[in-house]
Amino acid sequence: MPKMRRKADLPTKICAACGRPFAWRRKWARDWDEVKFCSDRCRSERRRASPPQTPRPAN
């Protein structure tokens, strides 16, 4: 059985939306490099707050 790790020993990142640090989770093991947000709430808020990628034509 694998040895337990302390939460302080796990890798951490800073959330791109709220700026808070968050720690590695087992469910992110496969794609830890692509994880940018600490929660679903931050991910959805970031999508809503970001401007559209293509500019709209002025009428």
C-alpha atoms as a PDB file:
ATOM      1  CA  MET A   1       0.000   0.000   0.000  1.00  0.00           C
ATOM      2  CA  PRO A   2       1.387   3.467  -0.879  1.00  0.00           C
ATOM      3  CA  LYS A   3       2.616   5.703   1.877  1.00  0.00           C
ATOM      4  CA  MET A   4       0.317   8.572   2.857  1.00  0.00           C
ATOM      5  CA  ARG A   5       1.512  12.105   2.136  1.00  0.00           C
ATOM      6  CA  ARG A   6       0.846  15.241   4.063  1.00  0.00           C
ATOM      7  CA  LYS A   7      -1.094  17.929   2.244  1.00  0.00           C
ATOM      8  CA  ALA A   8       1.857  20.292   2.697  1.00  0.00           C
ATOM      9  CA  ASP A   9       4.009  17.863   0.684  1.00  0.00           C
ATOM     10  CA  LEU A  10       1.709  17.923  -2.357  1.00  0.00           C
ATOM     11  CA  PRO A  11       2.391  20.234  -5.310  1.00  0.00           C
ATOM     12  CA  THR A  12       0.439  23.495  -5.401  1.00  0.00           C
ATOM     13  CA  LYS A  13      -0.627  26.053  -8.007  1.00  0.00           C
ATOM     14  CA  ILE A  14      -2.225  29.499  -7.968  1.00  0.00           C
ATOM     15  CA  CYS A  15      -5.781  29.735  -9.329  1.00  0.00           C
ATOM     16  CA  ALA A  16      -6.007  31.816 -12.524  1.00  0.00           C
ATOM     17  CA  ALA A  17      -9.377  33.255 -11.470  1.00  0.00           C
ATOM     18  CA  CYS A  18      -9.200  33.994  -7.742  1.00  0.00           C
ATOM     19  CA  GLY A  19      -5.438  33.967  -7.138  1.00  0.00           C
ATOM     20  CA  ARG A  20      -5.628  31.552  -4.200  1.00  0.00           C
ATOM     21  CA  PRO A  21      -3.260  28.606  -3.879  1.00  0.00           C
ATOM     22  CA  PHE A  22      -4.671  25.111  -4.302  1.00  0.00           C
ATOM     23  CA  ALA A  23      -3.144  21.674  -3.854  1.00  0.00           C
ATOM     24  CA  TRP A  24      -2.931  18.621  -6.091  1.00  0.00           C
ATOM     25  CA  ARG A  25      -5.915  16.259  -6.006  1.00  0.00           C
ATOM     26  CA  ARG A  26      -6.047  12.642  -7.042  1.00  0.00           C
ATOM     27  CA  LYS A  27      -8.722  13.345  -9.674  1.00  0.00           C
ATOM     28  CA  TRP A  28      -6.278  15.771 -11.366  1.00  0.00           C
ATOM     29  CA  ALA A  29      -3.438  13.209 -11.485  1.00  0.00           C
ATOM     30  CA  ARG A  30      -3.646  12.645 -15.255  1.00  0.00           C
ATOM     31  CA  ASP A  31      -3.884  16.303 -16.280  1.00  0.00           C
ATOM     32  CA  TRP A  32      -2.248  18.291 -13.454  1.00  0.00           C
ATOM     33  CA  ASP A  33      -0.248  20.302 -16.015  1.00  0.00           C
ATOM     34  CA  GLU A  34      -3.463  21.590 -17.645  1.00  0.00           C
ATOM     35  CA  VAL A  35      -5.322  22.432 -14.403  1.00  0.00           C
ATOM     36  CA  LYS A  36      -5.671  26.221 -14.041  1.00  0.00           C
ATOM     37  CA  PHE A  37      -8.598  26.750 -11.690  1.00  0.00           C
ATOM     38  CA  CYS A  38      -9.188  25.647  -8.105  1.00  0.00           C
ATOM     39  CA  SER A  39     -12.904  24.902  -8.517  1.00  0.00           C
ATOM     40  CA  ASP A  40     -15.800  24.668 -10.949  1.00  0.00           C
ATOM     41  CA  ARG A  41     -17.014  28.027  -9.685  1.00  0.00           C
ATOM     42  CA  CYS A  42     -13.742  29.759 -10.597  1.00  0.00           C
ATOM     43  CA  ARG A  43     -13.711  28.066 -13.994  1.00  0.00           C
ATOM     44  CA  SER A  44     -17.252  29.176 -14.824  1.00  0.00           C
ATOM     45  CA  GLU A  45     -16.706  32.704 -13.485  1.00  0.00           C
ATOM     46  CA  ARG A  46     -13.592  33.056 -15.618  1.00  0.00           C
ATOM     47  CA  ARG A  47     -15.488  31.993 -18.748  1.00  0.00           C
ATOM     48  CA  ARG A  48     -18.289  34.443 -18.047  1.00  0.00           C
ATOM     49  CA  ALA A  49     -15.907  37.329 -17.292  1.00  0.00           C
ATOM     50  CA  SER A  50     -13.588  36.827 -20.278  1.00  0.00           C
ATOM     51  CA  PRO A  51     -14.303  38.897 -23.400  1.00  0.00           C
ATOM     52  CA  PRO A  52     -15.280  37.136 -26.625  1.00  0.00           C
ATOM     53  CA  GLN A  53     -12.343  35.970 -28.734  1.00  0.00           C
ATOM     54  CA  THR A  54     -13.554  37.490 -32.024  1.00  0.00           C
ATOM     55  CA  PRO A  55     -14.381  41.217 -32.110  1.00  0.00           C
ATOM     56  CA  ARG A  56     -17.867  42.164 -33.234  1.00  0.00           C
ATOM     57  CA  PRO A  57     -18.189  44.472 -36.257  1.00  0.00           C
ATOM     58  CA  ALA A  58     -19.278  48.028 -35.419  1.00  0.00           C
ATOM     59  CA  ASN A  59     -22.597  49.105 -36.939  1.00  0.00           C
END
